[in-house]
């Protein structure tokens, strides 16, 4: 399978990195900054292309990994090299299935995707949309194979992408926000900053792995850490009195509404 990346920045470059050494996959790439593309080629074995037309003609899957506002400049150069047996896979947040089909002039099937930022270290969660009826089973398998090395992959209808954006796409920033707050709390209470940072990061990793590996409901896992009249229940009761849970849910609803306003999913 030949996969071509139009754009090899943070997310495109990260996914290319997860494909390094993969059997039966040849990766082509194109970037506006030649020295960055050359460096990535040395690291991953990527084959640089001289232009969008060349990359499109050599690729079975064409991965659009540019900012949404840059897509308009890509379509005219891509169209002459498109054929019905190719497939466009978009990482461009905010471009809908309709936008993508219009961009490729309905010549080939399209797949809308959204990876979240931990995909950069192979621990991501990616949503893929297979709503295009022109997609073949082989193309669907190829898209899944493309993203599985970067983490979990979930096939969702496009109507679910705004919810995915609000909860999972934006979610890493929410987690980093909480990590930062807890590190600062440790410093305020007398811990050295480096120690507080190291301990809180391990706390989040350990709790996440425990939640992932356990068959118990998340509420039961929480209750395992709560003793009557102890420190944990005192803090949790404060959370409840100040509606922390409700505020988190409201914040995610705000993110959802913003995604709808922006046309379906920018994480910025």
Protein backbone atom coordinates (compact mmCIF):
# COMPACT_ATOMS: atom_id res chain seq x y z
CA UNK A 1 0.00 0.00 0.00
CA UNK A 2 1.27 3.46 -0.92
CA UNK A 3 0.32 6.28 1.45
CA UNK A 4 1.04 9.91 0.64
CA UNK A 5 0.98 12.71 3.24
CA UNK A 6 0.25 16.24 2.06
CA UNK A 7 1.67 17.98 5.11
CA UNK A 8 4.12 16.36 7.51
CA UNK A 9 3.77 18.67 10.52
CA UNK A 10 2.99 17.63 14.09
CA UNK A 11 0.12 15.22 13.50
CA UNK A 12 1.06 14.07 10.00
CA UNK A 13 4.67 13.55 11.07
CA UNK A 14 3.56 11.68 14.20
CA UNK A 15 1.45 9.23 12.21
CA UNK A 16 4.26 8.74 9.72
CA UNK A 17 6.52 7.93 12.67
CA UNK A 18 4.19 5.17 13.85
CA UNK A 19 4.38 3.57 10.39
CA UNK A 20 8.18 3.34 10.41
CA UNK A 21 9.19 -0.24 9.67
CA UNK A 22 5.65 -1.32 8.78
CA UNK A 23 5.57 -4.08 6.18
CA UNK A 24 3.87 -3.52 2.83
CA UNK A 25 3.48 0.25 3.39
CA UNK A 26 5.43 2.81 1.38
CA UNK A 27 5.11 6.38 2.64
CA UNK A 28 5.43 9.47 0.46
CA UNK A 29 5.48 13.00 1.84
CA UNK A 30 5.26 16.64 0.93
CA UNK A 31 5.96 19.69 3.09
CA UNK A 32 6.44 23.39 2.44
CA UNK A 33 9.65 23.32 4.50
CA UNK A 34 12.11 21.10 2.57
CA UNK A 35 14.69 20.67 5.35
CA UNK A 36 12.02 19.39 7.76
CA UNK A 37 10.81 16.93 5.14
CA UNK A 38 14.36 15.74 4.52
CA UNK A 39 14.94 15.26 8.26
CA UNK A 40 11.74 13.23 8.56
CA UNK A 41 12.75 11.17 5.52
CA UNK A 42 16.05 10.28 7.22
CA UNK A 43 14.24 9.27 10.41
CA UNK A 44 11.39 7.28 8.91
CA UNK A 45 12.29 6.21 5.38
CA UNK A 46 9.63 8.48 3.88
CA UNK A 47 10.06 9.24 0.18
CA UNK A 48 9.86 13.00 -0.52
CA UNK A 49 7.76 14.15 -3.49
CA UNK A 50 8.23 17.23 -5.61
CA UNK A 51 4.61 18.28 -5.70
CA UNK A 52 0.99 17.42 -4.93
CA UNK A 53 0.38 15.94 -8.37
CA UNK A 54 3.33 13.56 -8.08
CA UNK A 55 2.33 12.48 -4.55
CA UNK A 56 -1.30 11.92 -5.58
CA UNK A 57 -0.36 9.83 -8.60
CA UNK A 58 1.95 7.58 -6.53
CA UNK A 59 -0.43 7.04 -3.58
CA UNK A 60 -3.36 4.73 -2.92
CA UNK A 61 -4.33 6.69 0.21
CA UNK A 62 -3.79 10.46 0.09
CA UNK A 63 -3.67 11.90 3.61
CA UNK A 64 -4.63 15.57 3.80
CA UNK A 65 -2.67 16.78 6.83
CA UNK A 66 -2.79 20.54 6.35
CA UNK A 67 -4.73 23.27 8.11
CA UNK A 68 -8.34 23.52 6.86
CA UNK A 69 -7.75 26.97 5.38
CA UNK A 70 -4.90 25.55 3.27
CA UNK A 71 -7.04 22.87 1.65
CA UNK A 72 -8.36 25.22 -1.03
CA UNK A 73 -4.90 25.49 -2.53
CA UNK A 74 -4.47 21.69 -2.55
CA UNK A 75 -7.52 20.61 -4.56
CA UNK A 76 -6.58 22.12 -7.97
CA UNK A 77 -3.18 20.41 -7.94
CA UNK A 78 -4.60 17.11 -6.73
CA UNK A 79 -7.56 16.72 -9.08
CA UNK A 80 -5.71 15.90 -12.34
CA UNK A 81 -3.99 12.91 -10.67
CA UNK A 82 -7.05 11.54 -8.86
CA UNK A 83 -8.70 8.31 -9.97
CA UNK A 84 -11.72 6.43 -8.56
CA UNK A 85 -9.52 3.72 -7.02
CA UNK A 86 -7.72 6.22 -4.77
CA UNK A 87 -8.99 7.42 -1.39
CA UNK A 88 -8.61 10.78 0.35
CA UNK A 89 -8.12 10.62 4.13
CA UNK A 90 -8.48 13.98 5.87
CA UNK A 91 -6.87 14.97 9.16
CA UNK A 92 -7.97 18.58 8.62
CA UNK A 93 -10.22 19.42 11.55
CA UNK A 94 -13.42 21.16 10.54
CA UNK A 95 -13.65 19.87 6.97
CA UNK A 96 -16.87 17.87 6.65
CA UNK A 97 -17.55 14.90 4.41
CA UNK A 98 -19.39 17.28 2.10
CA UNK A 99 -16.38 19.62 1.99
CA UNK A 100 -14.08 16.72 1.15
CA UNK A 101 -16.32 15.28 -1.57
CA UNK A 102 -16.60 18.73 -3.12
CA UNK A 103 -12.82 19.18 -2.90
CA UNK A 104 -12.10 15.98 -4.82
CA UNK A 105 -14.99 16.65 -7.23
CA UNK A 106 -16.49 13.26 -6.26
CA UNK A 107 -13.75 11.50 -8.22
CA UNK A 108 -12.71 9.23 -5.33
CA UNK A 109 -14.10 8.23 -1.93
CA UNK A 110 -13.23 10.27 1.14
CA UNK A 111 -12.69 9.51 4.83
CA UNK A 112 -12.93 12.12 7.54
CA UNK A 113 -10.79 11.43 10.60
CA UNK A 114 -9.83 13.06 13.88
CA UNK A 115 -6.85 11.84 15.90
CA UNK A 116 -6.21 13.40 19.31
CA UNK A 117 -2.77 14.62 20.36
CA UNK A 118 -1.56 11.47 22.23
CA UNK A 119 -1.48 9.81 18.80
CA UNK A 120 1.91 11.51 18.63
CA UNK A 121 3.24 8.92 21.10
CA UNK A 122 1.18 5.97 19.91
CA UNK A 123 -1.43 6.37 22.67
CA UNK A 124 -4.08 8.28 20.78
CA UNK A 125 -7.77 7.86 20.13
CA UNK A 126 -8.83 8.42 16.52
CA UNK A 127 -12.31 8.71 15.07
CA UNK A 128 -12.81 7.69 11.44
CA UNK A 129 -15.92 8.25 9.37
CA UNK A 130 -16.84 5.65 6.76
CA UNK A 131 -20.09 7.31 5.69
CA UNK A 132 -19.01 7.58 2.04
CA UNK A 133 -20.85 4.73 0.25
CA UNK A 134 -18.15 4.63 -2.44
CA UNK A 135 -15.59 3.22 0.02
CA UNK A 136 -14.56 -0.38 -0.58
CA UNK A 137 -13.90 -2.90 2.18
CA UNK A 138 -10.23 -2.91 1.21
CA UNK A 139 -10.03 0.88 1.57
CA UNK A 140 -11.70 0.75 4.99
CA UNK A 141 -9.19 -1.88 6.14
CA UNK A 142 -6.34 0.23 4.79
CA UNK A 143 -7.51 3.29 6.73
CA UNK A 144 -7.82 1.27 9.95
CA UNK A 145 -4.33 -0.14 9.37
CA UNK A 146 -3.05 3.40 8.88
CA UNK A 147 -4.22 4.62 12.30
CA UNK A 148 -3.98 1.54 14.54
CA UNK A 149 -0.25 2.00 15.23
CA UNK A 150 -1.03 5.43 16.75
CA UNK A 151 -3.59 4.10 19.26
CA UNK A 152 -7.26 3.12 19.40
CA UNK A 153 -9.46 3.66 16.35
CA UNK A 154 -13.24 4.11 16.50
CA UNK A 155 -15.52 4.11 13.46
CA UNK A 156 -18.15 6.81 14.02
CA UNK A 157 -20.86 8.35 11.85
CA UNK A 158 -20.20 11.97 11.01
CA UNK A 159 -23.07 13.08 13.26
CA UNK A 160 -20.98 11.89 16.25
CA UNK A 161 -17.87 13.88 15.38
CA UNK A 162 -18.87 16.99 17.37
CA UNK A 163 -19.33 14.88 20.50
CA UNK A 164 -16.01 13.12 19.85
CA UNK A 165 -14.32 16.48 19.39
CA UNK A 166 -15.67 17.84 22.66
CA UNK A 167 -14.85 14.81 24.80
CA UNK A 168 -11.83 13.15 23.19
CA UNK A 169 -10.37 15.61 20.69
CA UNK A 170 -10.21 18.45 23.21
CA UNK A 171 -9.85 16.06 26.15
CA UNK A 172 -6.03 15.98 26.40
CA UNK A 173 -6.00 19.73 27.10
CA UNK A 174 -8.52 19.19 29.92
CA UNK A 175 -6.31 16.49 31.44
CA UNK A 176 -3.21 18.67 31.16
CA UNK A 177 -5.16 21.45 32.87
CA UNK A 178 -5.95 19.17 35.81
CA UNK A 179 -2.36 17.88 35.96
CA UNK A 180 -1.08 21.45 36.06
CA UNK A 181 -3.52 22.42 38.82
CA UNK A 182 -2.53 19.46 40.98
CA UNK A 183 1.20 20.11 40.46
CA UNK A 184 0.69 23.72 41.56
CA UNK A 185 -1.27 22.53 44.60
CA UNK A 186 1.62 20.32 45.59
CA UNK A 187 4.05 23.24 45.31
CA UNK A 188 1.71 25.48 47.33
CA UNK A 189 1.65 22.86 50.07
CA UNK A 190 5.44 22.57 50.23
CA UNK A 191 6.52 19.96 47.70
CA UNK A 192 9.47 20.73 45.45
CA UNK A 193 8.20 21.54 41.95
CA UNK A 194 10.17 18.78 40.24
CA UNK A 195 8.95 16.20 42.77
CA UNK A 196 5.37 17.43 42.61
CA UNK A 197 5.45 17.26 38.79
CA UNK A 198 6.91 13.77 38.72
CA UNK A 199 4.51 12.41 41.34
CA UNK A 200 1.36 13.94 39.84
CA UNK A 201 2.19 12.70 36.33
CA UNK A 202 2.69 9.19 37.73
CA UNK A 203 -0.57 9.56 39.67
CA UNK A 204 -2.49 10.23 36.45
CA UNK A 205 -0.73 7.41 34.61
CA UNK A 206 -1.41 4.92 37.40
CA UNK A 207 -5.05 5.90 37.82
CA UNK A 208 -5.63 5.76 34.04
CA UNK A 209 -4.08 2.31 33.74
CA UNK A 210 -6.11 1.11 36.73
CA UNK A 211 -9.32 2.38 35.13
CA UNK A 212 -8.41 0.82 31.77
CA UNK A 213 -7.46 -2.59 33.16
CA UNK A 214 -10.22 -3.01 35.73
CA UNK A 215 -13.63 -4.51 35.01
CA UNK A 216 -15.13 -2.50 37.85
CA UNK A 217 -17.28 0.56 37.20
CA UNK A 218 -15.36 3.80 37.54
CA UNK A 219 -17.53 4.78 40.54
CA UNK A 220 -16.43 1.64 42.40
CA UNK A 221 -12.78 2.42 41.71
CA UNK A 222 -13.32 5.89 43.15
CA UNK A 223 -14.98 4.46 46.25
CA UNK A 224 -11.97 2.18 46.85
CA UNK A 225 -9.93 5.29 47.71
CA UNK A 226 -12.51 6.79 50.08
CA UNK A 227 -12.44 6.22 53.86
CA UNK A 228 -15.15 7.54 56.21
CA UNK A 229 -14.36 11.03 57.52
CA UNK A 230 -11.02 10.97 55.71
CA UNK A 231 -9.15 13.41 53.52
CA UNK A 232 -10.45 12.06 50.21
CA UNK A 233 -14.15 12.24 51.09
CA UNK A 234 -13.64 15.76 52.44
CA UNK A 235 -12.23 16.87 49.08
CA UNK A 236 -14.86 15.00 47.06
CA UNK A 237 -17.63 16.53 49.14
CA UNK A 238 -16.17 19.96 48.35
CA UNK A 239 -16.23 19.07 44.66
CA UNK A 240 -19.91 18.15 44.94
CA UNK A 241 -20.85 21.28 46.90
CA UNK A 242 -19.15 23.49 44.33
CA UNK A 243 -20.60 21.56 41.34
CA UNK A 244 -17.23 20.51 39.88
CA UNK A 245 -18.82 17.60 38.01
CA UNK A 246 -21.50 19.89 36.57
CA UNK A 247 -18.90 22.47 35.56
CA UNK A 248 -16.87 19.83 33.73
CA UNK A 249 -19.97 18.63 31.89
CA UNK A 250 -20.91 22.23 31.07
CA UNK A 251 -17.41 22.90 29.72
CA UNK A 252 -17.63 19.88 27.44
CA UNK A 253 -21.06 21.06 26.26
CA UNK A 254 -19.49 24.46 25.43
CA UNK A 255 -16.79 22.67 23.42
CA UNK A 256 -19.49 20.64 21.65
CA UNK A 257 -21.47 23.77 20.77
CA UNK A 258 -18.33 25.47 19.49
CA UNK A 259 -17.54 22.45 17.31
CA UNK A 260 -21.03 22.66 15.80
CA UNK A 261 -20.56 26.39 15.16
CA UNK A 262 -17.20 25.83 13.45
CA UNK A 263 -18.60 23.22 11.11
CA UNK A 264 -17.58 20.03 12.81
CA UNK A 265 -14.47 19.81 14.82
CA UNK A 266 -11.52 22.11 15.31
CA UNK A 267 -9.54 21.31 18.46
CA UNK A 268 -7.82 24.67 18.54
